[in-house]
Amino acid sequence: MSATPLLVSPFSGLLTRLREWPEASQLQARRNAMIAATACAQRRAERDDVADFLAHLDDAAADPAGGASPAPPMSRAAANR
């Protein structure tokens, strides 16, 4: 009777890992997706900030008065910090 637990013991850890693998894999995939979504949102905000800044520079260059133009609008990235 003592031989049975010795045979089951090495496989129990493997079976446990195999049973837990789908959940662990899904959790890791979800973490990766959240990180990627955050990175994409930051890049999008930065791209929008650059577009706003360039539009402001274009408007200032087109201003024939040549006076001091107001500061460009606050960036979305800076506002979210």
N, C-alpha and C. Protein backbone atom coordinates (compact mmCIF):
# COMPACT_ATOMS: atom_id res chain seq x y z
N MET A 1 0.80 -1.20 0.00
CA MET A 1 0.00 0.00 0.00
C MET A 1 0.85 1.27 0.00
N SER A 2 2.02 1.21 0.51
CA SER A 2 2.85 2.41 0.56
C SER A 2 3.42 2.75 -0.82
N ALA A 3 3.38 1.84 -1.79
CA ALA A 3 3.91 2.11 -3.13
C ALA A 3 3.00 3.05 -3.92
N THR A 4 1.72 3.04 -3.69
CA THR A 4 0.78 3.86 -4.45
C THR A 4 1.01 5.36 -4.23
N PRO A 5 1.15 5.86 -2.98
CA PRO A 5 1.40 7.29 -2.82
C PRO A 5 2.70 7.74 -3.48
N LEU A 6 3.71 6.89 -3.55
CA LEU A 6 4.96 7.27 -4.20
C LEU A 6 4.76 7.45 -5.71
N LEU A 7 3.91 6.65 -6.32
CA LEU A 7 3.66 6.76 -7.75
C LEU A 7 2.77 7.96 -8.07
N VAL A 8 1.85 8.28 -7.20
CA VAL A 8 0.93 9.39 -7.43
C VAL A 8 1.62 10.72 -7.13
N SER A 9 2.49 10.75 -6.19
CA SER A 9 3.12 11.98 -5.75
C SER A 9 3.83 12.76 -6.86
N PRO A 10 4.67 12.14 -7.70
CA PRO A 10 5.34 12.92 -8.73
C PRO A 10 4.37 13.49 -9.77
N PHE A 11 3.26 12.82 -10.00
CA PHE A 11 2.31 13.28 -11.01
C PHE A 11 1.32 14.31 -10.46
N SER A 12 1.16 14.36 -9.16
CA SER A 12 0.16 15.29 -8.60
C SER A 12 0.55 16.74 -8.88
N GLY A 13 1.82 17.08 -8.76
CA GLY A 13 2.25 18.45 -9.06
C GLY A 13 2.05 18.80 -10.52
N LEU A 14 2.37 17.87 -11.39
CA LEU A 14 2.19 18.08 -12.82
C LEU A 14 0.72 18.25 -13.16
N LEU A 15 -0.12 17.41 -12.59
CA LEU A 15 -1.56 17.50 -12.86
C LEU A 15 -2.13 18.82 -12.33
N THR A 16 -1.65 19.23 -11.17
CA THR A 16 -2.12 20.50 -10.62
C THR A 16 -1.74 21.66 -11.55
N ARG A 17 -0.49 21.66 -12.02
CA ARG A 17 -0.07 22.73 -12.93
C ARG A 17 -0.84 22.69 -14.24
N LEU A 18 -1.12 21.51 -14.74
CA LEU A 18 -1.90 21.41 -15.97
C LEU A 18 -3.33 21.90 -15.78
N ARG A 19 -3.90 21.64 -14.60
CA ARG A 19 -5.26 22.11 -14.32
C ARG A 19 -5.29 23.62 -14.16
N GLU A 20 -4.25 24.20 -13.59
CA GLU A 20 -4.23 25.65 -13.32
C GLU A 20 -3.73 26.46 -14.51
N TRP A 21 -3.15 25.80 -15.51
CA TRP A 21 -2.56 26.52 -16.63
C TRP A 21 -3.54 27.42 -17.38
N PRO A 22 -4.75 26.97 -17.74
CA PRO A 22 -5.64 27.86 -18.51
C PRO A 22 -5.97 29.16 -17.77
N GLU A 23 -6.22 29.06 -16.48
CA GLU A 23 -6.54 30.26 -15.71
C GLU A 23 -5.34 31.19 -15.62
N ALA A 24 -4.18 30.64 -15.35
CA ALA A 24 -2.97 31.46 -15.26
C ALA A 24 -2.65 32.11 -16.60
N SER A 25 -2.85 31.37 -17.67
CA SER A 25 -2.60 31.91 -19.01
C SER A 25 -3.56 33.05 -19.33
N GLN A 26 -4.82 32.89 -18.96
CA GLN A 26 -5.81 33.94 -19.20
C GLN A 26 -5.50 35.18 -18.40
N LEU A 27 -5.10 35.01 -17.15
CA LEU A 27 -4.75 36.16 -16.31
C LEU A 27 -3.56 36.92 -16.89
N GLN A 28 -2.55 36.20 -17.35
CA GLN A 28 -1.38 36.84 -17.95
C GLN A 28 -1.75 37.56 -19.24
N ALA A 29 -2.60 36.95 -20.04
CA ALA A 29 -3.05 37.59 -21.28
C ALA A 29 -3.82 38.87 -20.98
N ARG A 30 -4.64 38.84 -19.93
CA ARG A 30 -5.39 40.04 -19.56
C ARG A 30 -4.46 41.15 -19.09
N ARG A 31 -3.45 40.78 -18.29
CA ARG A 31 -2.47 41.79 -17.85
C ARG A 31 -1.75 42.40 -19.05
N ASN A 32 -1.33 41.55 -19.98
CA ASN A 32 -0.65 42.04 -21.18
C ASN A 32 -1.54 42.99 -21.97
N ALA A 33 -2.82 42.65 -22.09
CA ALA A 33 -3.75 43.50 -22.83
C ALA A 33 -3.94 44.85 -22.14
N MET A 34 -4.01 44.86 -20.82
CA MET A 34 -4.16 46.13 -20.10
C MET A 34 -2.93 47.01 -20.28
N ILE A 35 -1.75 46.40 -20.23
CA ILE A 35 -0.52 47.15 -20.42
C ILE A 35 -0.46 47.72 -21.84
N ALA A 36 -0.83 46.91 -22.82
CA ALA A 36 -0.83 47.37 -24.21
C ALA A 36 -1.85 48.49 -24.42
N ALA A 37 -3.02 48.37 -23.83
CA ALA A 37 -4.05 49.41 -23.97
C ALA A 37 -3.58 50.72 -23.35
N THR A 38 -2.90 50.64 -22.21
CA THR A 38 -2.38 51.84 -21.57
C THR A 38 -1.31 52.49 -22.44
N ALA A 39 -0.42 51.69 -22.99
CA ALA A 39 0.63 52.23 -23.86
C ALA A 39 0.02 52.89 -25.10
N CYS A 40 -0.99 52.26 -25.68
CA CYS A 40 -1.65 52.83 -26.86
C CYS A 40 -2.34 54.15 -26.52
N ALA A 41 -2.98 54.21 -25.37
CA ALA A 41 -3.65 55.45 -24.96
C ALA A 41 -2.64 56.56 -24.73
N GLN A 42 -1.50 56.24 -24.14
CA GLN A 42 -0.47 57.25 -23.93
C GLN A 42 0.08 57.76 -25.26
N ARG A 43 0.32 56.84 -26.19
CA ARG A 43 0.82 57.26 -27.52
C ARG A 43 -0.21 58.12 -28.24
N ARG A 44 -1.48 57.74 -28.12
CA ARG A 44 -2.54 58.52 -28.77
C ARG A 44 -2.60 59.92 -28.18
N ALA A 45 -2.51 60.03 -26.86
CA ALA A 45 -2.54 61.35 -26.21
C ALA A 45 -1.34 62.18 -26.65
N GLU A 46 -0.18 61.56 -26.74
CA GLU A 46 1.02 62.29 -27.16
C GLU A 46 0.88 62.74 -28.62
N ARG A 47 0.34 61.87 -29.47
CA ARG A 47 0.13 62.23 -30.88
C ARG A 47 -0.83 63.41 -30.99
N ASP A 48 -1.90 63.39 -30.20
CA ASP A 48 -2.86 64.49 -30.21
C ASP A 48 -2.22 65.78 -29.72
N ASP A 49 -1.37 65.68 -28.70
CA ASP A 49 -0.67 66.86 -28.18
C ASP A 49 0.24 67.46 -29.25
N VAL A 50 0.96 66.61 -29.96
CA VAL A 50 1.84 67.10 -31.01
C VAL A 50 1.02 67.76 -32.12
N ALA A 51 -0.09 67.16 -32.49
CA ALA A 51 -0.95 67.74 -33.53
C ALA A 51 -1.48 69.09 -33.08
N ASP A 52 -1.91 69.21 -31.82
CA ASP A 52 -2.40 70.49 -31.31
C ASP A 52 -1.29 71.54 -31.31
N PHE A 53 -0.09 71.13 -30.90
CA PHE A 53 1.04 72.06 -30.85
C PHE A 53 1.39 72.55 -32.25
N LEU A 54 1.45 71.61 -33.20
CA LEU A 54 1.77 72.01 -34.57
C LEU A 54 0.69 72.89 -35.17
N ALA A 55 -0.57 72.61 -34.86
CA ALA A 55 -1.66 73.46 -35.33
C ALA A 55 -1.54 74.86 -34.74
N HIS A 56 -1.15 74.93 -33.48
CA HIS A 56 -0.96 76.23 -32.83
C HIS A 56 0.19 76.98 -33.50
N LEU A 57 1.27 76.30 -33.80
CA LEU A 57 2.40 76.95 -34.48
C LEU A 57 1.99 77.43 -35.87
N ASP A 58 1.20 76.62 -36.56
CA ASP A 58 0.74 77.00 -37.89
C ASP A 58 -0.15 78.22 -37.83
N ASP A 59 -1.04 78.27 -36.83
CA ASP A 59 -1.91 79.44 -36.64
C ASP A 59 -1.09 80.67 -36.31
N ALA A 60 -0.06 80.52 -35.48
CA ALA A 60 0.77 81.65 -35.09
C ALA A 60 1.57 82.16 -36.30
N ALA A 61 2.03 81.25 -37.15
CA ALA A 61 2.78 81.66 -38.33
C ALA A 61 1.88 82.35 -39.35
N ALA A 62 0.62 81.98 -39.39
CA ALA A 62 -0.32 82.59 -40.33
C ALA A 62 -0.84 83.93 -39.83
N ASP A 63 -0.61 84.26 -38.56
CA ASP A 63 -1.09 85.52 -37.98
C ASP A 63 -0.25 86.67 -38.53
N PRO A 64 -0.84 87.53 -39.36
CA PRO A 64 -0.07 88.62 -39.95
C PRO A 64 0.31 89.70 -38.94
N ALA A 65 -0.39 89.78 -37.80
CA ALA A 65 -0.08 90.81 -36.82
C ALA A 65 1.30 90.60 -36.23
N GLY A 66 1.70 89.35 -36.11
CA GLY A 66 3.04 89.06 -35.61
C GLY A 66 3.21 89.33 -34.14
N GLY A 67 2.15 89.59 -33.45
CA GLY A 67 2.23 89.84 -32.02
C GLY A 67 2.55 88.57 -31.26
N ALA A 68 2.74 88.74 -29.99
CA ALA A 68 3.02 87.58 -29.15
C ALA A 68 1.77 86.71 -29.10
N SER A 69 1.94 85.48 -29.49
CA SER A 69 0.79 84.58 -29.49
C SER A 69 0.65 83.96 -28.11
N PRO A 70 -0.57 83.63 -27.74
CA PRO A 70 -0.75 82.98 -26.43
C PRO A 70 -0.07 81.61 -26.42
N ALA A 71 0.17 81.15 -25.24
CA ALA A 71 0.84 79.85 -25.08
C ALA A 71 -0.03 78.74 -25.67
N PRO A 72 0.61 77.69 -26.17
CA PRO A 72 -0.18 76.57 -26.69
C PRO A 72 -1.01 75.94 -25.58
N PRO A 73 -2.11 75.28 -25.93
CA PRO A 73 -2.96 74.68 -24.91
C PRO A 73 -2.21 73.61 -24.12
N MET A 74 -2.67 73.40 -22.88
CA MET A 74 -2.05 72.37 -22.03
C MET A 74 -2.27 71.01 -22.66
N SER A 75 -1.25 70.22 -22.62
CA SER A 75 -1.34 68.89 -23.22
C SER A 75 -2.27 68.00 -22.41
N ARG A 76 -2.92 67.07 -23.10
CA ARG A 76 -3.79 66.11 -22.41
C ARG A 76 -2.98 65.21 -21.50
N ALA A 77 -1.78 64.86 -21.94
CA ALA A 77 -0.93 63.99 -21.13
C ALA A 77 -0.55 64.69 -19.82
N ALA A 78 -0.24 65.99 -19.89
CA ALA A 78 0.12 66.71 -18.67
C ALA A 78 -1.10 66.91 -17.78
N ALA A 79 -2.27 67.08 -18.39
CA ALA A 79 -3.49 67.28 -17.60
C ALA A 79 -3.88 66.00 -16.86
N ASN A 80 -3.52 64.85 -17.40
CA ASN A 80 -3.90 63.58 -16.78
C ASN A 80 -2.91 63.12 -15.71
N ARG A 81 -1.83 63.83 -15.54
CA ARG A 81 -0.83 63.42 -14.55
C ARG A 81 -1.20 63.86 -13.17
